[in-house]
Amino acid sequence: MELKKEIRILGRRFEVEPRAKESLKGITVGEKLSYRFYDGTYQGTPLLFVEPKKGNPSPRTCAITGKRLTEALGLPAVFILAPGPTYERHRLADKGVFFVMSEEYAHLPGIIALEKTSNRKIAEVLTPVAQYILLYHLQVGSIEGMSPRDIAPLLPYSYESVTLGVTCLEDVGLCQKIQNGQRSKVVHFELKGKELWDKAQNVLLSPVENRIFCDDIRLDAEYPVCGINALAHYSMLNRDREEMIMMTSKEYRAVKSADVMENPNIYDGNYIIEVWKYPVVSKMGDKSQWVDRLSLVLSLRDDDDPRVEKEVERIISEQKWKD
């Protein structure tokens, strides 16, 4: 009978148990001959530990095998590897492989990120990722009962970023992370729809990071309409004469480097570019012609024009909550 195995992650010692043969359904004969399999939990996250029997596989092999094992058994696969050179660790990390190597090195970004939150300052407002997650939940599709690993494929963010975003939502009291059996922690919202939106008001931020004006802009790509012109699309308000477009910080840096703006400034122009802290909240793969409604509302929150305030209130009253 195979015995428990002791391993260390960043100096922390704990035991993993050999996985029962009847629990290896979906694993190929070749994989059974090449690896030993263990079950363990680190920072409350159940993991599948995979130990090669004969030396470290190549980083590419680890990436392919790890993905297949995770899909087959529903747990993050973590390789227990023999000590290796620095370049090998870098290649493993670049390929997204979770691993522990000797007692000094580990690549478990999302899980270690959770551990680091224990000594961090508790969030008082939402980060851009946390705000995106909340607005996705309210506008696009419910994430109730989903783990960060379930949520990540739905959003333009990594699993690690989503993990920290959910932690931020919990910090400010908008959700809870609850244990879902032995599998993982999942998101739970006590409030729904308008009540959740109302509770979040004190921690929500304007998505607008910066505004740039220019007289003309030579672009082949199309960007979502924002500002008053987006409000005009969602309401009976007349649009302004300026063209108003939204870009993420990354997109704006690319446009700025391409030198396609005529007379860029911070005062006036025929074009207004709003640089946002996060992308348009939408389903992955959708090409949005307009910024999403709730982010638009937040971007106009400080506009004291009574017409704008009236239409913003109407948008909220007509919002079809998705949670």
Protein backbone atom coordinates (compact mmCIF):
# COMPACT_ATOMS: atom_id res chain seq x y z
CA MET A 1 0.00 0.00 0.00
CA GLU A 2 1.40 3.35 -1.02
CA LEU A 3 2.01 5.68 1.91
CA LYS A 4 1.28 9.37 2.38
CA LYS A 5 3.88 11.75 0.98
CA GLU A 6 5.19 14.87 2.66
CA ILE A 7 5.89 17.91 0.51
CA ARG A 8 6.64 21.56 1.17
CA ILE A 9 5.28 24.66 -0.53
CA LEU A 10 7.31 27.77 0.24
CA GLY A 11 8.58 26.28 3.47
CA ARG A 12 5.18 25.03 4.63
CA ARG A 13 5.13 21.27 5.24
CA PHE A 14 2.03 19.12 4.68
CA GLU A 15 1.01 15.66 3.57
CA VAL A 16 -0.70 14.44 0.42
CA GLU A 17 -2.46 11.10 0.10
CA PRO A 18 -2.15 8.64 -2.79
CA ARG A 19 -5.21 8.84 -5.00
CA ALA A 20 -7.24 5.63 -4.99
CA LYS A 21 -7.10 3.60 -8.20
CA GLU A 22 -10.87 3.76 -8.58
CA SER A 23 -10.55 7.56 -8.63
CA LEU A 24 -8.23 7.55 -11.65
CA LYS A 25 -11.02 7.15 -14.20
CA GLY A 26 -10.19 9.11 -17.33
CA ILE A 27 -6.42 8.81 -16.88
CA THR A 28 -4.64 6.93 -19.67
CA VAL A 29 -2.53 3.82 -19.17
CA GLY A 30 0.55 5.80 -20.25
CA GLU A 31 -0.11 8.43 -17.61
CA LYS A 32 -0.59 5.77 -14.92
CA LEU A 33 2.76 4.25 -15.86
CA SER A 34 4.54 7.63 -15.96
CA TYR A 35 3.19 9.36 -12.84
CA ARG A 36 2.10 8.90 -9.26
CA PHE A 37 -1.08 10.72 -8.23
CA TYR A 38 -1.88 12.29 -4.87
CA ASP A 39 -4.75 14.30 -3.37
CA GLY A 40 -4.00 17.32 -1.19
CA THR A 41 -5.44 20.64 -0.08
CA TYR A 42 -3.52 23.90 0.01
CA GLN A 43 -5.04 27.10 1.40
CA GLY A 44 -8.47 25.47 1.27
CA THR A 45 -8.12 24.53 -2.41
CA PRO A 46 -8.24 20.80 -3.31
CA LEU A 47 -5.43 19.88 -5.73
CA LEU A 48 -4.27 16.89 -7.74
CA PHE A 49 -0.53 16.39 -7.19
CA VAL A 50 1.30 14.63 -10.01
CA GLU A 51 4.77 13.15 -9.47
CA PRO A 52 6.79 11.89 -12.46
CA LYS A 53 8.35 8.45 -11.88
CA LYS A 54 11.41 9.06 -14.05
CA GLY A 55 12.79 12.61 -14.09
CA ASN A 56 11.14 15.89 -14.97
CA PRO A 57 9.07 15.90 -18.18
CA SER A 58 9.59 18.81 -20.57
CA PRO A 59 7.62 22.00 -19.80
CA ARG A 60 5.56 21.40 -22.95
CA THR A 61 4.69 17.87 -21.82
CA CYS A 62 3.74 19.17 -18.36
CA ALA A 63 1.47 21.81 -19.91
CA ILE A 64 -0.33 19.30 -22.14
CA THR A 65 -0.60 16.62 -19.45
CA GLY A 66 -1.65 19.09 -16.76
CA LYS A 67 -4.47 20.46 -18.88
CA ARG A 68 -5.71 16.98 -19.74
CA LEU A 69 -5.62 15.78 -16.12
CA THR A 70 -7.43 18.89 -14.90
CA GLU A 71 -10.17 18.36 -17.49
CA ALA A 72 -10.43 14.64 -16.71
CA LEU A 73 -10.51 14.87 -12.90
CA GLY A 74 -11.82 18.40 -12.31
CA LEU A 75 -8.93 19.50 -10.07
CA PRO A 76 -5.94 21.77 -10.73
CA ALA A 77 -2.96 19.54 -11.52
CA VAL A 78 0.27 20.41 -9.66
CA PHE A 79 3.52 18.68 -10.66
CA ILE A 80 5.95 17.58 -7.94
CA LEU A 81 9.26 18.07 -9.71
CA ALA A 82 12.91 17.37 -8.95
CA PRO A 83 15.22 20.42 -8.57
CA GLY A 84 15.93 22.04 -11.91
CA PRO A 85 17.68 25.06 -13.43
CA THR A 86 16.20 28.56 -13.44
CA TYR A 87 15.37 28.50 -17.15
CA GLU A 88 13.30 25.33 -16.65
CA ARG A 89 11.23 27.00 -13.93
CA HIS A 90 10.69 30.03 -16.15
CA ARG A 91 9.54 27.87 -19.08
CA LEU A 92 7.13 25.98 -16.83
CA ALA A 93 5.68 29.23 -15.47
CA ASP A 94 5.41 30.75 -18.97
CA LYS A 95 3.36 27.73 -20.08
CA GLY A 96 1.01 28.07 -17.11
CA VAL A 97 2.15 24.86 -15.39
CA PHE A 98 1.45 24.59 -11.65
CA PHE A 99 4.42 23.01 -9.90
CA VAL A 100 6.44 22.65 -6.71
CA MET A 101 10.19 22.12 -7.07
CA SER A 102 12.34 21.22 -4.08
CA GLU A 103 11.47 23.20 -0.96
CA GLU A 104 12.13 26.65 -2.36
CA TYR A 105 10.12 27.08 -5.54
CA ALA A 106 6.43 26.88 -6.32
CA HIS A 107 4.26 28.22 -9.10
CA LEU A 108 0.70 28.34 -7.81
CA PRO A 109 -0.21 31.95 -8.66
CA GLY A 110 -3.92 31.98 -7.89
CA ILE A 111 -3.61 29.93 -4.73
CA ILE A 112 -0.56 31.77 -3.42
CA ALA A 113 -2.35 35.04 -4.25
CA LEU A 114 -5.08 33.93 -1.87
CA GLU A 115 -2.52 33.22 0.83
CA LYS A 116 -0.97 36.65 0.43
CA THR A 117 -4.35 38.30 1.01
CA SER A 118 -4.17 37.32 4.69
CA ASN A 119 -1.53 39.99 5.33
CA ARG A 120 -2.81 42.63 2.97
CA LYS A 121 -4.93 45.70 3.59
CA ILE A 122 -8.63 44.94 3.28
CA ALA A 123 -10.11 46.59 0.18
CA GLU A 124 -12.42 49.56 0.73
CA VAL A 125 -13.46 50.11 -2.90
CA LEU A 126 -13.66 47.79 -5.87
CA THR A 127 -10.70 47.14 -8.10
CA PRO A 128 -11.38 47.31 -11.87
CA VAL A 129 -11.45 43.49 -12.05
CA ALA A 130 -13.83 43.20 -9.08
CA GLN A 131 -16.10 45.86 -10.58
CA TYR A 132 -16.09 44.03 -13.93
CA ILE A 133 -17.05 40.77 -12.20
CA LEU A 134 -19.93 42.44 -10.35
CA LEU A 135 -21.25 44.21 -13.46
CA TYR A 136 -20.99 40.99 -15.46
CA HIS A 137 -23.06 39.25 -12.78
CA LEU A 138 -25.70 41.99 -12.88
CA GLN A 139 -25.88 42.53 -16.65
CA VAL A 140 -24.63 39.51 -18.59
CA GLY A 141 -24.97 36.29 -16.62
CA SER A 142 -25.17 35.13 -13.02
CA ILE A 143 -22.00 33.78 -11.41
CA GLU A 144 -23.86 32.62 -8.29
CA GLY A 145 -22.47 29.30 -7.10
CA MET A 146 -19.44 29.45 -9.40
CA SER A 147 -15.78 29.17 -8.41
CA PRO A 148 -13.11 31.57 -9.72
CA ARG A 149 -11.93 28.78 -12.03
CA ASP A 150 -15.47 28.53 -13.46
CA ILE A 151 -15.72 32.31 -13.83
CA ALA A 152 -12.35 33.01 -15.47
CA PRO A 153 -13.23 31.60 -18.96
CA LEU A 154 -16.21 33.98 -19.09
CA LEU A 155 -14.11 37.11 -18.55
CA PRO A 156 -11.12 38.84 -20.19
CA TYR A 157 -9.04 38.16 -17.08
CA SER A 158 -6.79 35.36 -15.82
CA TYR A 159 -7.82 32.92 -13.12
CA GLU A 160 -5.42 34.65 -10.74
CA SER A 161 -6.98 38.08 -11.38
CA VAL A 162 -10.51 36.70 -10.97
CA THR A 163 -9.49 35.07 -7.67
CA LEU A 164 -8.31 38.42 -6.30
CA GLY A 165 -11.36 40.18 -7.75
CA VAL A 166 -13.72 37.85 -5.89
CA THR A 167 -11.69 38.41 -2.70
CA CYS A 168 -12.15 42.17 -3.17
CA LEU A 169 -15.92 41.72 -3.59
CA GLU A 170 -15.95 39.77 -0.34
CA ASP A 171 -13.85 42.45 1.40
CA VAL A 172 -16.44 45.14 0.72
CA GLY A 173 -19.34 42.91 1.77
CA LEU A 174 -20.93 42.27 -1.63
CA CYS A 175 -20.45 38.50 -1.72
CA GLN A 176 -19.24 35.54 0.28
CA LYS A 177 -16.95 32.65 -0.63
CA ILE A 178 -18.52 29.45 0.66
CA GLN A 179 -17.18 25.89 0.62
CA ASN A 180 -18.73 23.70 -2.04
CA GLY A 181 -18.15 20.22 -0.66
CA GLN A 182 -14.53 19.13 -1.12
CA ARG A 183 -14.18 20.75 -4.54
CA SER A 184 -13.64 24.47 -4.07
CA LYS A 185 -15.05 27.69 -2.73
CA VAL A 186 -17.82 29.32 -4.73
CA VAL A 187 -19.34 32.79 -4.88
CA HIS A 188 -22.58 33.52 -3.08
CA PHE A 189 -24.56 36.78 -3.17
CA GLU A 190 -27.04 37.50 -0.39
CA LEU A 191 -28.67 40.30 -2.41
CA LYS A 192 -29.88 40.32 -5.99
CA GLY A 193 -30.51 42.79 -8.79
CA LYS A 194 -31.33 46.34 -7.80
CA GLU A 195 -30.66 45.66 -4.10
CA LEU A 196 -27.13 44.45 -4.87
CA TRP A 197 -26.55 47.44 -7.18
CA ASP A 198 -27.76 49.86 -4.50
CA LYS A 199 -25.54 48.31 -1.81
CA ALA A 200 -22.51 48.61 -4.12
CA GLN A 201 -22.88 52.35 -4.75
CA ASN A 202 -20.33 53.45 -2.15
CA VAL A 203 -17.61 51.18 -3.51
CA LEU A 204 -18.17 51.50 -7.26
CA LEU A 205 -15.81 53.77 -9.21
CA SER A 206 -16.05 55.61 -12.51
CA PRO A 207 -14.51 53.40 -15.21
CA VAL A 208 -13.00 56.47 -16.87
CA GLU A 209 -9.28 56.82 -16.24
CA ASN A 210 -8.62 59.72 -18.59
CA ARG A 211 -10.18 61.82 -21.38
CA ILE A 212 -8.25 62.96 -24.44
CA PHE A 213 -9.48 65.29 -27.18
CA CYS A 214 -8.26 65.55 -30.75
CA ASP A 215 -9.35 67.21 -34.00
CA ASP A 216 -9.19 64.03 -36.06
CA ILE A 217 -8.17 60.41 -35.69
CA ARG A 218 -7.17 58.02 -38.46
CA LEU A 219 -8.28 54.58 -37.35
CA ASP A 220 -9.21 51.42 -39.19
CA ALA A 221 -10.45 49.69 -36.04
CA GLU A 222 -13.84 50.49 -34.49
CA TYR A 223 -14.23 51.23 -30.81
CA PRO A 224 -17.36 51.32 -28.60
CA VAL A 225 -19.29 54.58 -28.34
CA CYS A 226 -19.30 56.07 -24.85
CA GLY A 227 -20.38 59.20 -22.96
CA ILE A 228 -23.42 61.27 -23.92
CA ASN A 229 -23.60 59.61 -27.33
CA ALA A 230 -23.94 56.18 -25.74
CA LEU A 231 -26.57 57.61 -23.39
CA ALA A 232 -28.41 58.93 -26.44
CA HIS A 233 -28.42 55.39 -27.85
CA TYR A 234 -30.00 54.01 -24.68
CA SER A 235 -32.44 56.91 -24.19
CA MET A 236 -34.34 59.74 -25.92
CA LEU A 237 -31.52 62.23 -25.36
CA ASN A 238 -29.95 63.89 -28.39
CA ARG A 239 -26.31 63.00 -29.11
CA ASP A 240 -23.54 65.60 -28.94
CA ARG A 241 -21.70 66.82 -32.04
CA GLU A 242 -18.36 65.31 -30.96
CA GLU A 243 -17.51 61.71 -31.68
CA MET A 244 -17.04 59.81 -28.43
CA ILE A 245 -15.16 56.52 -28.27
CA MET A 246 -13.92 54.29 -25.46
CA MET A 247 -10.57 52.48 -25.31
CA THR A 248 -8.81 50.44 -22.68
CA SER A 249 -5.44 51.72 -21.46
CA LYS A 250 -3.66 49.12 -23.59
CA GLU A 251 -5.60 50.11 -26.71
CA TYR A 252 -4.94 53.79 -26.13
CA ARG A 253 -1.21 53.24 -25.73
CA ALA A 254 -1.19 51.46 -29.10
CA VAL A 255 -3.13 54.29 -30.76
CA LYS A 256 -0.86 56.91 -29.20
CA SER A 257 2.24 55.07 -30.43
CA ALA A 258 0.79 54.86 -33.95
CA ASP A 259 0.60 58.69 -34.06
CA VAL A 260 -2.85 58.76 -35.71
CA MET A 261 -4.38 61.59 -33.63
CA GLU A 262 -4.37 65.16 -34.91
CA ASN A 263 -3.69 67.76 -32.21
CA PRO A 264 -4.26 65.58 -29.11
CA ASN A 265 -4.98 67.67 -26.00
CA ILE A 266 -6.94 67.67 -22.76
CA TYR A 267 -9.32 70.55 -23.55
CA ASP A 268 -11.31 70.38 -26.79
CA GLY A 269 -11.68 68.64 -30.13
CA ASN A 270 -13.97 66.88 -32.58
CA TYR A 271 -13.19 63.54 -30.98
CA ILE A 272 -13.33 62.57 -27.32
CA ILE A 273 -11.48 59.43 -26.31
CA GLU A 274 -12.33 58.00 -22.91
CA VAL A 275 -9.62 55.69 -21.58
CA TRP A 276 -11.28 53.08 -19.36
CA LYS A 277 -9.93 50.98 -16.52
CA TYR A 278 -11.60 47.83 -17.87
CA PRO A 279 -13.16 46.63 -21.16
CA VAL A 280 -16.84 46.79 -22.05
CA VAL A 281 -18.74 44.31 -19.89
CA SER A 282 -20.11 41.70 -22.30
CA LYS A 283 -20.01 38.04 -23.25
CA MET A 284 -16.60 36.85 -24.33
CA GLY A 285 -16.19 37.24 -28.07
CA ASP A 286 -18.98 39.80 -28.49
CA LYS A 287 -18.06 42.94 -30.41
CA SER A 288 -19.75 45.79 -28.57
CA GLN A 289 -20.78 48.90 -30.48
CA TRP A 290 -21.73 50.71 -27.25
CA VAL A 291 -20.33 50.63 -23.73
CA ASP A 292 -22.44 48.63 -21.31
CA ARG A 293 -25.29 50.36 -19.51
CA LEU A 294 -24.14 50.17 -15.90
CA SER A 295 -20.57 51.23 -16.67
CA LEU A 296 -22.01 54.11 -18.67
CA VAL A 297 -24.11 55.13 -15.67
CA LEU A 298 -20.99 55.13 -13.49
CA SER A 299 -19.05 57.16 -16.05
CA LEU A 300 -21.77 59.85 -15.99
CA ARG A 301 -22.39 59.81 -12.25
CA ASP A 302 -20.80 63.24 -11.70
CA ASP A 303 -22.62 64.92 -14.61
CA ASP A 304 -24.98 67.47 -13.03
CA ASP A 305 -27.04 68.12 -16.19
CA PRO A 306 -30.69 67.43 -15.14
CA ARG A 307 -31.39 65.81 -18.53
CA VAL A 308 -28.52 63.38 -18.03
CA GLU A 309 -29.55 62.63 -14.45
CA LYS A 310 -33.11 61.88 -15.59
CA GLU A 311 -32.03 59.49 -18.34
CA VAL A 312 -29.52 57.75 -16.06
CA GLU A 313 -32.30 57.15 -13.53
CA ARG A 314 -34.49 55.75 -16.30
CA ILE A 315 -31.76 53.36 -17.45
CA ILE A 316 -31.48 51.99 -13.91
CA SER A 317 -35.25 51.65 -13.54
CA GLU A 318 -35.46 49.72 -16.83
CA GLN A 319 -32.40 47.53 -16.25
CA LYS A 320 -33.06 43.81 -16.73
CA TRP A 321 -30.98 42.26 -13.98
CA LYS A 322 -29.35 38.95 -14.93
CA ASP A 323 -28.71 37.50 -11.50
